[in-house]
Amino acid sequence: MYLAEAKKITIVILGAFLNAIALNFFLIPANVYSSGFAGLAQLISGMLDFFHAPFSISTGVLLFLLNIPITIVAWKKVGKSFTLYSFLSVALLTLFMELLPVKELSPDIILNAVFGGVIGAVGVGFTLKFGASTGGMDIVAMLLSRVKDKPIGTYLFAMNGLIIVCAGCLYGAEKSLYTLVALYASTRVVDAIHTRHEKLTVFIITKKSLELKTAIHAKLVRGITMLPAKGAFTGEDKEMLMMVITRYELYDLEKIIEEVDPQAFVNIVETTNVVGFFRKD
């Protein structure tokens, strides 16, 4: 358990560092925007400078401040472990952004957009893959999935759309187009490392259905459907557990299965839509 937690913390640190590199060395110097709360923090910081405000706040500090109210709500509604790692990721990202200089490595805006999007996405993708998050919209996604089954993509699209429009207003239409390039590159890389679907259907065939059900319910707020199953070759009686989870819960579920029944057969299927009740109180 300690080894797993140490591995998780290491990934969170690495993810935050990669995101800081992407922002300070590629996106911020080129006035190309990231997605989600990081892009929103860039936008607010840029607007303060653009309109010659009497004070300025760095992108890293703004990102930290934007995440505070979300983190407080998530601590009560989502769970302490997920929220703690998410806040740690945001705090480390802020720290790395303050320590690293904002420096332009290349005057080529296409290189800045592509490499900024890809490097940041590698950090985000691996952070999600190991059961943590980078805060911001990831926490909003978890909150929405626990309160009501609403597609997070709609909100993310609206926020990114606002960022793109404002980028065009401040720095010209060309910056908006390059921001789109960065967002596209980022999305593709995160999809390749983790998963592009917000929801996943998991089928678990096991001999330890009761132990597995108890362990899953202790960790996740998800309903489970239990079905009888029988091995075709062995003729052994087993049970199949079917459940729908969000992509943010995939790591925790995999660890539970590995601990309770490493011999279980698991099939994870991408889910495009869910109709009906999608949570367990």
Protein backbone atom coordinates (compact mmCIF):
# COMPACT_ATOMS: atom_id res chain seq x y z
CA MET A 1 0.00 0.00 0.00
CA TYR A 2 2.82 2.38 0.90
CA LEU A 3 4.58 1.58 -2.37
CA ALA A 4 1.41 2.32 -4.33
CA GLU A 5 0.91 5.64 -2.53
CA ALA A 6 4.56 6.60 -3.09
CA LYS A 7 4.17 5.78 -6.79
CA LYS A 8 1.01 7.88 -6.95
CA ILE A 9 2.68 10.87 -5.29
CA THR A 10 5.64 10.55 -7.67
CA ILE A 11 3.31 10.63 -10.66
CA VAL A 12 1.49 13.67 -9.27
CA ILE A 13 4.83 15.49 -8.84
CA LEU A 14 5.95 14.54 -12.35
CA GLY A 15 2.60 15.56 -13.85
CA ALA A 16 2.69 18.96 -12.15
CA PHE A 17 6.28 19.52 -13.31
CA LEU A 18 5.43 18.66 -16.94
CA ASN A 19 2.43 21.00 -16.83
CA ALA A 20 4.61 23.81 -15.47
CA ILE A 21 7.12 23.27 -18.30
CA ALA A 22 4.32 23.30 -20.88
CA LEU A 23 2.89 26.56 -19.53
CA ASN A 24 6.06 28.53 -18.70
CA PHE A 25 8.22 27.48 -21.65
CA PHE A 26 5.67 27.12 -24.46
CA LEU A 27 2.09 28.34 -23.95
CA ILE A 28 2.44 31.50 -21.83
CA PRO A 29 5.33 33.06 -23.85
CA ALA A 30 3.41 32.47 -27.09
CA ASN A 31 0.05 33.72 -25.69
CA VAL A 32 -1.43 30.33 -26.50
CA TYR A 33 -3.94 29.07 -23.96
CA SER A 34 -4.31 25.79 -22.13
CA SER A 35 -7.69 24.20 -21.42
CA GLY A 36 -9.83 24.30 -18.30
CA PHE A 37 -8.83 26.20 -15.19
CA ALA A 38 -5.22 26.59 -16.34
CA GLY A 39 -6.40 28.38 -19.47
CA LEU A 40 -8.82 30.47 -17.39
CA ALA A 41 -5.96 31.49 -15.09
CA GLN A 42 -3.86 32.41 -18.13
CA LEU A 43 -6.74 34.47 -19.49
CA ILE A 44 -7.32 36.43 -16.26
CA SER A 45 -3.59 37.07 -15.83
CA GLY A 46 -3.31 38.19 -19.45
CA MET A 47 -6.31 40.51 -19.16
CA LEU A 48 -4.83 42.19 -16.09
CA ASP A 49 -1.67 42.95 -18.06
CA PHE A 50 -3.54 43.88 -21.24
CA PHE A 51 -5.73 46.45 -19.50
CA HIS A 52 -2.79 47.77 -17.40
CA ALA A 53 -4.35 46.89 -14.06
CA PRO A 54 -2.66 48.48 -11.01
CA PHE A 55 -1.64 44.98 -9.89
CA SER A 56 -0.73 41.73 -11.59
CA ILE A 57 -1.11 38.10 -10.51
CA SER A 58 0.85 35.24 -12.03
CA THR A 59 -0.94 32.38 -13.77
CA GLY A 60 0.25 29.89 -11.16
CA VAL A 61 -1.13 31.86 -8.21
CA LEU A 62 -4.43 32.47 -10.01
CA LEU A 63 -4.74 28.76 -10.77
CA PHE A 64 -4.26 28.00 -7.08
CA LEU A 65 -6.86 30.58 -6.02
CA LEU A 66 -9.43 29.34 -8.55
CA ASN A 67 -9.11 25.80 -7.20
CA ILE A 68 -9.64 26.67 -3.52
CA PRO A 69 -13.48 26.91 -3.55
CA ILE A 70 -13.75 23.83 -5.80
CA THR A 71 -11.48 21.87 -3.45
CA ILE A 72 -13.53 22.83 -0.36
CA VAL A 73 -16.73 21.54 -1.97
CA ALA A 74 -15.00 18.40 -3.29
CA TRP A 75 -13.63 17.57 0.18
CA LYS A 76 -17.21 17.20 1.43
CA LYS A 77 -18.87 15.78 -1.69
CA VAL A 78 -16.33 13.68 -3.60
CA GLY A 79 -13.93 12.18 -1.08
CA LYS A 80 -10.82 13.05 0.85
CA SER A 81 -8.29 10.93 -1.07
CA PHE A 82 -9.18 12.17 -4.57
CA THR A 83 -9.47 15.77 -3.36
CA LEU A 84 -6.19 15.64 -1.44
CA TYR A 85 -4.22 14.40 -4.43
CA SER A 86 -5.94 16.92 -6.71
CA PHE A 87 -5.07 19.81 -4.39
CA LEU A 88 -1.50 18.50 -4.07
CA SER A 89 -1.24 18.50 -7.86
CA VAL A 90 -2.47 22.11 -8.08
CA ALA A 91 -0.19 23.27 -5.26
CA LEU A 92 2.85 21.63 -6.88
CA LEU A 93 1.96 23.10 -10.27
CA THR A 94 1.77 26.57 -8.71
CA LEU A 95 5.09 26.02 -6.95
CA PHE A 96 6.84 24.82 -10.13
CA MET A 97 5.38 27.70 -12.16
CA GLU A 98 6.71 30.19 -9.62
CA LEU A 99 10.15 28.55 -9.52
CA LEU A 100 10.58 28.09 -13.28
CA PRO A 101 11.08 31.24 -15.37
CA VAL A 102 8.64 32.17 -18.14
CA LYS A 103 10.99 31.73 -21.07
CA GLU A 104 10.39 31.42 -24.80
CA LEU A 105 12.33 28.45 -26.17
CA SER A 106 11.25 29.00 -29.77
CA PRO A 107 9.73 31.94 -31.68
CA ASP A 108 7.72 29.47 -33.79
CA ILE A 109 4.16 29.65 -32.48
CA ILE A 110 3.18 26.29 -34.02
CA LEU A 111 5.97 24.53 -32.13
CA ASN A 112 4.87 26.29 -28.95
CA ALA A 113 1.24 25.28 -29.42
CA VAL A 114 1.96 21.64 -30.29
CA PHE A 115 4.72 20.97 -27.75
CA GLY A 116 2.92 22.91 -25.02
CA GLY A 117 -0.26 20.93 -25.62
CA VAL A 118 1.52 17.56 -25.82
CA ILE A 119 3.83 18.00 -22.81
CA GLY A 120 1.00 19.28 -20.62
CA ALA A 121 -1.24 16.42 -21.76
CA VAL A 122 1.37 13.81 -20.86
CA GLY A 123 1.36 15.19 -17.32
CA VAL A 124 -2.45 15.24 -17.16
CA GLY A 125 -2.84 11.80 -18.76
CA PHE A 126 -0.51 9.97 -16.37
CA THR A 127 -1.94 11.83 -13.36
CA LEU A 128 -5.44 10.63 -14.31
CA LYS A 129 -4.20 7.12 -15.08
CA PHE A 130 -2.85 6.72 -11.55
CA GLY A 131 -6.05 7.81 -9.85
CA ALA A 132 -5.32 11.46 -9.15
CA SER A 133 -6.30 14.62 -11.01
CA THR A 134 -4.95 18.03 -11.90
CA GLY A 135 -7.80 19.81 -10.14
CA GLY A 136 -10.08 22.33 -11.82
CA MET A 137 -12.42 20.72 -14.32
CA ASP A 138 -11.50 17.20 -13.15
CA ILE A 139 -12.96 18.00 -9.74
CA VAL A 140 -15.98 19.67 -11.36
CA ALA A 141 -16.49 16.46 -13.37
CA MET A 142 -16.44 14.38 -10.20
CA LEU A 143 -18.87 16.75 -8.46
CA LEU A 144 -21.29 16.60 -11.37
CA SER A 145 -21.06 12.81 -11.59
CA ARG A 146 -21.92 12.52 -7.89
CA VAL A 147 -24.75 15.07 -7.95
CA LYS A 148 -26.32 14.42 -11.31
CA ASP A 149 -25.36 12.57 -14.46
CA LYS A 150 -24.41 15.54 -16.61
CA PRO A 151 -21.87 15.47 -19.45
CA ILE A 152 -18.75 17.33 -18.37
CA GLY A 153 -17.82 17.82 -22.01
CA THR A 154 -20.50 20.49 -22.38
CA TYR A 155 -19.05 22.60 -19.57
CA LEU A 156 -15.48 22.08 -20.70
CA PHE A 157 -16.43 23.05 -24.24
CA ALA A 158 -18.14 26.22 -22.98
CA MET A 159 -15.14 27.24 -20.87
CA ASN A 160 -12.64 26.51 -23.64
CA GLY A 161 -14.85 28.35 -26.11
CA LEU A 162 -14.79 31.42 -23.86
CA ILE A 163 -11.00 31.18 -23.57
CA ILE A 164 -10.59 30.92 -27.35
CA VAL A 165 -12.88 33.88 -28.05
CA CYS A 166 -11.16 36.07 -25.44
CA ALA A 167 -7.73 35.07 -26.78
CA GLY A 168 -8.84 36.27 -30.20
CA CYS A 169 -10.15 39.55 -28.78
CA LEU A 170 -6.94 40.26 -26.86
CA TYR A 171 -4.26 39.05 -29.26
CA GLY A 172 -5.97 38.57 -32.63
CA ALA A 173 -7.76 35.72 -34.39
CA GLU A 174 -4.47 33.95 -35.10
CA LYS A 175 -3.93 33.30 -31.38
CA SER A 176 -7.35 31.70 -31.15
CA LEU A 177 -6.50 29.31 -33.97
CA TYR A 178 -3.21 28.32 -32.38
CA THR A 179 -5.02 27.80 -29.08
CA LEU A 180 -7.27 25.35 -30.92
CA VAL A 181 -4.17 23.52 -32.14
CA ALA A 182 -2.86 23.25 -28.56
CA LEU A 183 -6.23 22.03 -27.25
CA TYR A 184 -6.53 19.42 -30.02
CA ALA A 185 -3.00 18.10 -29.40
CA SER A 186 -3.65 17.99 -25.66
CA THR A 187 -6.96 16.12 -26.03
CA ARG A 188 -5.50 13.49 -28.35
CA VAL A 189 -2.59 12.73 -26.03
CA VAL A 190 -4.77 12.48 -22.90
CA ASP A 191 -7.12 10.14 -24.80
CA ALA A 192 -4.19 7.93 -25.84
CA ILE A 193 -2.70 7.69 -22.33
CA HIS A 194 -5.90 7.38 -20.30
CA THR A 195 -9.30 7.15 -21.98
CA ARG A 196 -11.40 9.52 -24.01
CA HIS A 197 -14.72 8.36 -22.54
CA GLU A 198 -16.06 9.93 -19.36
CA LYS A 199 -17.91 6.72 -18.46
CA LEU A 200 -16.84 3.10 -18.66
CA THR A 201 -18.75 -0.15 -18.17
CA VAL A 202 -16.83 -2.79 -16.24
CA PHE A 203 -17.60 -6.52 -16.32
CA ILE A 204 -15.87 -8.57 -13.59
CA ILE A 205 -16.09 -12.38 -13.58
CA THR A 206 -14.98 -13.68 -10.19
CA LYS A 207 -15.31 -16.40 -7.57
CA LYS A 208 -15.13 -13.78 -4.81
CA SER A 209 -18.15 -11.71 -5.71
CA LEU A 210 -19.24 -10.89 -2.14
CA GLU A 211 -15.75 -9.81 -1.02
CA LEU A 212 -15.31 -7.77 -4.19
CA LYS A 213 -18.73 -6.14 -3.86
CA THR A 214 -18.01 -5.14 -0.26
CA ALA A 215 -14.60 -3.73 -1.16
CA ILE A 216 -15.95 -1.74 -4.10
CA HIS A 217 -18.83 -0.26 -2.09
CA ALA A 218 -16.41 0.76 0.65
CA LYS A 219 -14.40 2.82 -1.84
CA LEU A 220 -16.74 3.89 -4.66
CA VAL A 221 -20.29 5.29 -4.67
CA ARG A 222 -21.44 3.08 -7.51
CA GLY A 223 -24.21 0.51 -7.89
CA ILE A 224 -23.35 -3.05 -8.99
CA THR A 225 -25.45 -5.59 -10.86
CA MET A 226 -24.58 -9.22 -10.03
CA LEU A 227 -25.28 -11.94 -12.58
CA PRO A 228 -24.67 -15.71 -12.44
CA ALA A 229 -21.89 -16.97 -14.71
CA LYS A 230 -20.40 -20.36 -15.56
CA GLY A 231 -17.04 -21.23 -17.08
CA ALA A 232 -17.45 -22.98 -20.45
CA PHE A 233 -14.33 -25.13 -20.12
CA THR A 234 -14.23 -25.78 -16.38
CA GLY A 235 -17.95 -25.76 -15.65
CA GLU A 236 -17.24 -23.76 -12.49
CA ASP A 237 -19.97 -21.54 -11.10
CA LYS A 238 -18.92 -17.89 -10.83
CA GLU A 239 -20.59 -14.51 -10.74
CA MET A 240 -20.30 -11.51 -12.99
CA LEU A 241 -20.35 -7.99 -11.54
CA MET A 242 -21.39 -5.24 -13.91
CA MET A 243 -21.02 -1.55 -13.06
CA VAL A 244 -20.66 1.83 -14.75
CA ILE A 245 -17.94 4.16 -13.46
CA THR A 246 -16.40 7.47 -14.44
CA ARG A 247 -12.88 7.51 -15.81
CA TYR A 248 -11.65 9.13 -12.60
CA GLU A 249 -12.59 5.99 -10.65
CA LEU A 250 -10.85 3.51 -12.95
CA TYR A 251 -7.55 3.46 -11.05
CA ASP A 252 -9.21 2.83 -7.68
CA LEU A 253 -11.35 0.03 -9.11
CA GLU A 254 -8.35 -1.68 -10.72
CA LYS A 255 -6.47 -1.58 -7.41
CA ILE A 256 -9.46 -3.05 -5.53
CA ILE A 257 -9.75 -5.94 -7.99
CA GLU A 258 -6.00 -6.57 -7.84
CA GLU A 259 -6.09 -6.74 -4.03
CA VAL A 260 -9.27 -8.81 -3.58
CA ASP A 261 -9.15 -11.20 -6.54
CA PRO A 262 -6.13 -10.93 -8.86
CA GLN A 263 -7.46 -13.97 -10.78
CA ALA A 264 -10.67 -12.18 -11.78
CA PHE A 265 -11.40 -11.67 -15.48
CA VAL A 266 -12.13 -8.00 -16.17
CA ASN A 267 -13.51 -6.45 -19.34
CA ILE A 268 -13.71 -2.64 -19.55
CA VAL A 269 -15.94 -1.20 -22.26
CA GLU A 270 -16.32 2.41 -23.36
CA THR A 271 -19.77 3.78 -22.55
CA THR A 272 -21.25 6.52 -24.71
CA ASN A 273 -24.40 7.18 -22.69
CA VAL A 274 -26.23 6.11 -19.54
CA VAL A 275 -30.01 6.39 -19.09
CA GLY A 276 -31.37 6.06 -15.56
CA PHE A 277 -29.96 6.32 -12.09
CA PHE A 278 -26.18 6.63 -12.10
CA ARG A 279 -25.07 6.78 -8.50
CA LYS A 280 -25.33 4.98 -5.19
CA ASP A 281 -26.03 7.03 -2.04
